[in-house]
């Protein structure tokens, strides 16, 4: 396994590349995709996990940045309690579970 300092630097670079991909996405999608591919390669080489926030923003099939309304459709399936992300570039579907609201039952006791 690689030394800790190399893995720390790799994680910093991954986060930097993904932030830049977010910034430039609206102007140049090809460059944003390139940044994502570089971040993935660094992560695989140094065995560093991608942060969950960014992992959910990237299509696992075509490796593009998912932006709702631009190239991604987001739906909530309340029956299955999942959020469904559909990439409009390749058609890949991702489902993430969520917890519904917990409602407190009102007690029907009356004082008196």
N, C-alpha and C. Protein backbone atom coordinates (compact mmCIF):
# COMPACT_ATOMS: atom_id res chain seq x y z
N UNK A 1 0.85 -1.18 0.00
CA UNK A 1 0.00 0.00 0.00
C UNK A 1 0.89 1.24 0.00
N UNK A 2 0.39 2.29 -0.58
CA UNK A 2 1.14 3.54 -0.68
C UNK A 2 1.23 4.24 0.68
N UNK A 3 2.27 5.06 0.85
CA UNK A 3 2.38 5.83 2.10
C UNK A 3 1.20 6.78 2.28
N UNK A 4 0.91 7.10 3.53
CA UNK A 4 -0.23 7.95 3.88
C UNK A 4 -0.16 9.30 3.17
N UNK A 5 1.03 9.91 3.12
CA UNK A 5 1.15 11.25 2.55
C UNK A 5 0.80 11.24 1.06
N UNK A 6 1.13 10.15 0.35
CA UNK A 6 0.79 10.07 -1.08
C UNK A 6 -0.72 9.95 -1.26
N UNK A 7 -1.35 9.17 -0.40
CA UNK A 7 -2.80 9.00 -0.48
C UNK A 7 -3.52 10.30 -0.13
N UNK A 8 -3.00 11.05 0.82
CA UNK A 8 -3.60 12.32 1.22
C UNK A 8 -3.53 13.31 0.06
N UNK A 9 -2.37 13.39 -0.59
CA UNK A 9 -2.21 14.29 -1.74
C UNK A 9 -3.13 13.86 -2.88
N UNK A 10 -3.24 12.56 -3.10
CA UNK A 10 -4.13 12.05 -4.16
C UNK A 10 -5.57 12.45 -3.89
N UNK A 11 -6.02 12.34 -2.63
CA UNK A 11 -7.39 12.71 -2.29
C UNK A 11 -7.62 14.21 -2.51
N UNK A 12 -6.63 15.03 -2.15
CA UNK A 12 -6.73 16.48 -2.38
C UNK A 12 -6.87 16.78 -3.87
N UNK A 13 -6.08 16.09 -4.69
CA UNK A 13 -6.13 16.31 -6.14
C UNK A 13 -7.47 15.86 -6.73
N UNK A 14 -7.98 14.76 -6.22
CA UNK A 14 -9.29 14.27 -6.69
C UNK A 14 -10.36 15.32 -6.41
N UNK A 15 -10.38 15.83 -5.19
CA UNK A 15 -11.38 16.83 -4.81
C UNK A 15 -11.22 18.09 -5.65
N UNK A 16 -9.98 18.50 -5.89
CA UNK A 16 -9.72 19.69 -6.70
C UNK A 16 -10.23 19.49 -8.13
N UNK A 17 -9.93 18.35 -8.73
CA UNK A 17 -10.39 18.07 -10.10
C UNK A 17 -11.91 18.03 -10.19
N UNK A 18 -12.55 17.44 -9.21
CA UNK A 18 -14.01 17.34 -9.25
C UNK A 18 -14.67 18.70 -9.06
N UNK A 19 -14.09 19.55 -8.22
CA UNK A 19 -14.62 20.92 -8.07
C UNK A 19 -14.48 21.69 -9.37
N UNK A 20 -13.33 21.55 -10.02
CA UNK A 20 -13.12 22.23 -11.30
C UNK A 20 -14.09 21.71 -12.36
N UNK A 21 -14.36 20.41 -12.35
CA UNK A 21 -15.32 19.84 -13.30
C UNK A 21 -16.70 20.45 -13.09
N UNK A 22 -17.08 20.65 -11.82
CA UNK A 22 -18.37 21.29 -11.52
C UNK A 22 -18.43 22.71 -12.07
N UNK A 23 -17.33 23.46 -11.88
CA UNK A 23 -17.30 24.86 -12.31
C UNK A 23 -17.39 25.00 -13.82
N UNK A 24 -16.67 24.13 -14.53
CA UNK A 24 -16.54 24.31 -15.98
C UNK A 24 -17.62 23.56 -16.78
N UNK A 25 -18.43 22.76 -16.12
CA UNK A 25 -19.42 21.91 -16.79
C UNK A 25 -20.31 22.69 -17.76
N UNK A 26 -20.81 23.84 -17.35
CA UNK A 26 -21.75 24.58 -18.20
C UNK A 26 -21.07 25.15 -19.45
N UNK A 27 -19.77 25.39 -19.39
CA UNK A 27 -19.06 25.97 -20.53
C UNK A 27 -18.43 24.92 -21.44
N UNK A 28 -17.88 23.85 -20.84
CA UNK A 28 -17.16 22.87 -21.63
C UNK A 28 -17.35 21.47 -21.03
N UNK A 29 -18.31 20.73 -21.53
CA UNK A 29 -18.63 19.41 -20.97
C UNK A 29 -17.53 18.40 -21.21
N UNK A 30 -16.83 18.52 -22.35
CA UNK A 30 -15.75 17.58 -22.65
C UNK A 30 -14.62 17.70 -21.64
N UNK A 31 -14.27 18.93 -21.30
CA UNK A 31 -13.20 19.16 -20.33
C UNK A 31 -13.62 18.68 -18.94
N UNK A 32 -14.88 18.89 -18.59
CA UNK A 32 -15.39 18.41 -17.30
C UNK A 32 -15.30 16.89 -17.23
N UNK A 33 -15.64 16.22 -18.33
CA UNK A 33 -15.55 14.76 -18.37
C UNK A 33 -14.10 14.30 -18.24
N UNK A 34 -13.19 15.03 -18.86
CA UNK A 34 -11.75 14.71 -18.76
C UNK A 34 -11.27 14.84 -17.32
N UNK A 35 -11.69 15.89 -16.62
CA UNK A 35 -11.32 16.07 -15.22
C UNK A 35 -11.82 14.91 -14.37
N UNK A 36 -13.03 14.46 -14.65
CA UNK A 36 -13.60 13.34 -13.90
C UNK A 36 -12.82 12.06 -14.16
N UNK A 37 -12.45 11.83 -15.42
CA UNK A 37 -11.66 10.64 -15.75
C UNK A 37 -10.30 10.67 -15.06
N UNK A 38 -9.67 11.84 -15.02
CA UNK A 38 -8.38 11.97 -14.33
C UNK A 38 -8.53 11.69 -12.84
N UNK A 39 -9.59 12.23 -12.25
CA UNK A 39 -9.83 12.01 -10.82
C UNK A 39 -10.05 10.52 -10.53
N UNK A 40 -10.78 9.84 -11.40
CA UNK A 40 -11.01 8.40 -11.21
C UNK A 40 -9.71 7.62 -11.32
N UNK A 41 -8.87 7.97 -12.29
CA UNK A 41 -7.60 7.27 -12.45
C UNK A 41 -6.70 7.45 -11.24
N UNK A 42 -6.64 8.67 -10.73
CA UNK A 42 -5.83 8.94 -9.53
C UNK A 42 -6.36 8.11 -8.37
N UNK A 43 -7.68 8.08 -8.22
CA UNK A 43 -8.29 7.30 -7.14
C UNK A 43 -7.98 5.82 -7.24
N UNK A 44 -8.01 5.27 -8.45
CA UNK A 44 -7.72 3.85 -8.62
C UNK A 44 -6.23 3.56 -8.40
N UNK A 45 -5.38 4.44 -8.88
CA UNK A 45 -3.93 4.23 -8.75
C UNK A 45 -3.50 4.23 -7.29
N UNK A 46 -4.02 5.19 -6.51
CA UNK A 46 -3.60 5.34 -5.12
C UNK A 46 -4.58 4.70 -4.14
N UNK A 47 -5.59 4.01 -4.67
CA UNK A 47 -6.60 3.33 -3.86
C UNK A 47 -7.24 4.27 -2.84
N UNK A 48 -7.75 5.38 -3.36
CA UNK A 48 -8.41 6.39 -2.55
C UNK A 48 -9.87 6.44 -2.96
N UNK A 49 -10.76 6.43 -1.98
CA UNK A 49 -12.19 6.51 -2.28
C UNK A 49 -12.58 7.93 -2.68
N UNK A 50 -13.50 8.00 -3.62
CA UNK A 50 -14.05 9.28 -4.01
C UNK A 50 -15.09 9.68 -2.96
N UNK A 51 -15.12 10.94 -2.54
CA UNK A 51 -16.12 11.35 -1.56
C UNK A 51 -17.55 11.07 -2.06
N UNK A 52 -18.43 10.69 -1.14
CA UNK A 52 -19.81 10.30 -1.49
C UNK A 52 -20.53 11.40 -2.26
N UNK A 53 -20.31 12.65 -1.85
CA UNK A 53 -20.97 13.78 -2.51
C UNK A 53 -20.68 13.77 -4.01
N UNK A 54 -19.43 13.53 -4.37
CA UNK A 54 -19.05 13.55 -5.78
C UNK A 54 -19.38 12.23 -6.47
N UNK A 55 -19.32 11.14 -5.74
CA UNK A 55 -19.61 9.84 -6.33
C UNK A 55 -21.04 9.79 -6.87
N UNK A 56 -21.96 10.43 -6.15
CA UNK A 56 -23.36 10.44 -6.58
C UNK A 56 -23.60 11.39 -7.75
N UNK A 57 -22.67 12.27 -8.02
CA UNK A 57 -22.83 13.25 -9.10
C UNK A 57 -22.25 12.75 -10.42
N UNK A 58 -21.70 11.54 -10.43
CA UNK A 58 -21.04 11.03 -11.63
C UNK A 58 -21.74 9.76 -12.10
N UNK A 59 -22.00 9.68 -13.39
CA UNK A 59 -22.61 8.48 -13.98
C UNK A 59 -21.57 7.36 -13.98
N UNK A 60 -21.95 6.20 -13.49
CA UNK A 60 -21.02 5.08 -13.42
C UNK A 60 -20.78 4.44 -14.79
N UNK A 61 -21.66 4.70 -15.74
CA UNK A 61 -21.55 4.08 -17.05
C UNK A 61 -20.70 4.91 -18.01
N UNK A 62 -21.02 6.20 -18.15
CA UNK A 62 -20.32 7.04 -19.13
C UNK A 62 -19.39 8.07 -18.48
N UNK A 63 -19.34 8.13 -17.16
CA UNK A 63 -18.44 9.00 -16.39
C UNK A 63 -18.62 10.48 -16.69
N UNK A 64 -19.85 10.91 -16.86
CA UNK A 64 -20.11 12.34 -17.02
C UNK A 64 -20.69 12.88 -15.72
N UNK A 65 -20.55 14.17 -15.54
CA UNK A 65 -21.10 14.84 -14.37
C UNK A 65 -22.61 14.94 -14.54
N UNK A 66 -23.36 14.50 -13.54
CA UNK A 66 -24.82 14.53 -13.62
C UNK A 66 -25.34 15.83 -13.05
N UNK A 67 -26.03 16.60 -13.88
CA UNK A 67 -26.64 17.85 -13.47
C UNK A 67 -28.13 17.77 -13.75
N UNK A 68 -28.97 17.77 -12.70
CA UNK A 68 -30.42 17.72 -12.93
C UNK A 68 -30.88 18.86 -13.83
N UNK A 69 -31.64 18.53 -14.84
CA UNK A 69 -32.14 19.54 -15.77
C UNK A 69 -31.25 19.72 -16.98
N UNK A 70 -29.97 19.45 -16.85
CA UNK A 70 -29.05 19.61 -17.96
C UNK A 70 -28.85 18.28 -18.70
N UNK A 71 -28.43 17.25 -17.98
CA UNK A 71 -28.21 15.95 -18.61
C UNK A 71 -28.64 14.79 -17.71
N UNK A 72 -29.50 15.09 -16.75
CA UNK A 72 -29.92 14.07 -15.79
C UNK A 72 -31.36 14.32 -15.37
N UNK A 73 -32.10 13.23 -15.20
CA UNK A 73 -33.48 13.33 -14.73
C UNK A 73 -33.54 12.72 -13.34
N UNK A 74 -34.17 13.43 -12.40
CA UNK A 74 -34.28 12.96 -11.02
C UNK A 74 -35.74 12.74 -10.69
N UNK A 75 -36.04 11.55 -10.17
CA UNK A 75 -37.41 11.21 -9.77
C UNK A 75 -37.37 10.62 -8.37
N UNK A 76 -38.46 10.79 -7.65
CA UNK A 76 -38.59 10.19 -6.33
C UNK A 76 -39.66 9.12 -6.42
N UNK A 77 -39.29 7.90 -6.09
CA UNK A 77 -40.24 6.79 -6.06
C UNK A 77 -40.61 6.56 -4.60
N UNK A 78 -41.75 7.11 -4.20
CA UNK A 78 -42.14 7.04 -2.79
C UNK A 78 -42.57 5.63 -2.38
N UNK A 79 -42.97 4.83 -3.34
CA UNK A 79 -43.37 3.46 -3.03
C UNK A 79 -42.16 2.63 -2.60
N UNK A 80 -41.08 2.76 -3.35
CA UNK A 80 -39.85 2.01 -3.03
C UNK A 80 -38.91 2.80 -2.12
N UNK A 81 -39.25 4.06 -1.85
CA UNK A 81 -38.43 4.97 -1.05
C UNK A 81 -37.01 5.09 -1.61
N UNK A 82 -36.95 5.44 -2.90
CA UNK A 82 -35.66 5.66 -3.56
C UNK A 82 -35.72 6.93 -4.39
N UNK A 83 -34.54 7.53 -4.56
CA UNK A 83 -34.38 8.64 -5.49
C UNK A 83 -33.73 8.04 -6.73
N UNK A 84 -34.33 8.26 -7.89
CA UNK A 84 -33.86 7.66 -9.13
C UNK A 84 -33.20 8.73 -10.00
N UNK A 85 -31.92 8.52 -10.34
CA UNK A 85 -31.18 9.41 -11.23
C UNK A 85 -31.04 8.69 -12.56
N UNK A 86 -31.47 9.33 -13.66
CA UNK A 86 -31.35 8.76 -14.99
C UNK A 86 -30.45 9.65 -15.82
N UNK A 87 -29.33 9.10 -16.27
CA UNK A 87 -28.40 9.84 -17.12
C UNK A 87 -29.01 9.94 -18.51
N UNK A 88 -29.09 11.13 -19.06
CA UNK A 88 -29.68 11.30 -20.38
C UNK A 88 -28.63 11.19 -21.48
N UNK A 89 -27.36 11.04 -21.11
CA UNK A 89 -26.31 10.82 -22.10
C UNK A 89 -26.30 9.35 -22.55
N UNK A 90 -26.39 8.44 -21.55
CA UNK A 90 -26.29 7.01 -21.87
C UNK A 90 -27.50 6.20 -21.45
N UNK A 91 -28.39 6.78 -20.63
CA UNK A 91 -29.60 6.08 -20.20
C UNK A 91 -29.42 5.25 -18.93
N UNK A 92 -28.25 5.30 -18.32
CA UNK A 92 -27.99 4.53 -17.10
C UNK A 92 -28.85 5.05 -15.95
N UNK A 93 -29.35 4.13 -15.12
CA UNK A 93 -30.23 4.49 -14.00
C UNK A 93 -29.54 4.14 -12.69
N UNK A 94 -29.56 5.10 -11.75
CA UNK A 94 -29.01 4.87 -10.41
C UNK A 94 -30.12 5.11 -9.40
N UNK A 95 -30.19 4.25 -8.40
CA UNK A 95 -31.21 4.40 -7.36
C UNK A 95 -30.52 4.50 -6.01
N UNK A 96 -30.94 5.51 -5.23
CA UNK A 96 -30.41 5.69 -3.89
C UNK A 96 -31.56 5.67 -2.90
N UNK A 97 -31.46 4.85 -1.87
CA UNK A 97 -32.53 4.80 -0.88
C UNK A 97 -32.55 6.05 -0.01
N UNK A 98 -33.72 6.37 0.49
CA UNK A 98 -33.85 7.48 1.43
C UNK A 98 -34.85 7.08 2.49
N UNK A 99 -34.78 7.75 3.61
CA UNK A 99 -35.74 7.50 4.68
C UNK A 99 -36.83 8.54 4.57
N UNK A 100 -38.06 8.09 4.61
CA UNK A 100 -39.18 9.01 4.57
C UNK A 100 -39.30 9.77 5.87
N UNK A 101 -40.14 10.76 5.90
CA UNK A 101 -40.34 11.54 7.12
C UNK A 101 -40.97 10.66 8.19
N UNK A 102 -40.48 10.81 9.39
CA UNK A 102 -41.03 10.08 10.52
C UNK A 102 -42.07 10.98 11.17
N UNK A 103 -43.29 10.51 11.17
CA UNK A 103 -44.37 11.31 11.74
C UNK A 103 -44.64 10.84 13.16
N UNK A 104 -44.75 11.79 14.05
CA UNK A 104 -45.08 11.45 15.44
C UNK A 104 -46.59 11.37 15.57
N UNK A 105 -47.02 10.33 16.24
CA UNK A 105 -48.45 10.17 16.46
C UNK A 105 -48.88 11.07 17.61
N UNK A 106 -49.99 11.75 17.41
CA UNK A 106 -50.52 12.60 18.47
C UNK A 106 -51.31 11.73 19.44
N UNK A 107 -51.08 11.97 20.70
CA UNK A 107 -51.84 11.20 21.69
C UNK A 107 -53.23 11.81 21.83
N UNK A 108 -54.21 10.95 22.01
CA UNK A 108 -55.59 11.42 22.10
C UNK A 108 -56.06 11.53 23.54
N UNK A 109 -55.13 11.60 24.45
CA UNK A 109 -55.50 11.74 25.86
C UNK A 109 -55.92 13.16 26.16
N UNK A 110 -56.89 13.26 27.00
CA UNK A 110 -57.34 14.59 27.43
C UNK A 110 -57.06 14.73 28.91
N UNK A 111 -56.60 15.88 29.26
CA UNK A 111 -56.36 16.11 30.69
C UNK A 111 -57.67 16.52 31.35
N UNK A 112 -57.88 16.12 32.59
CA UNK A 112 -59.09 16.58 33.27
C UNK A 112 -59.68 15.62 34.11
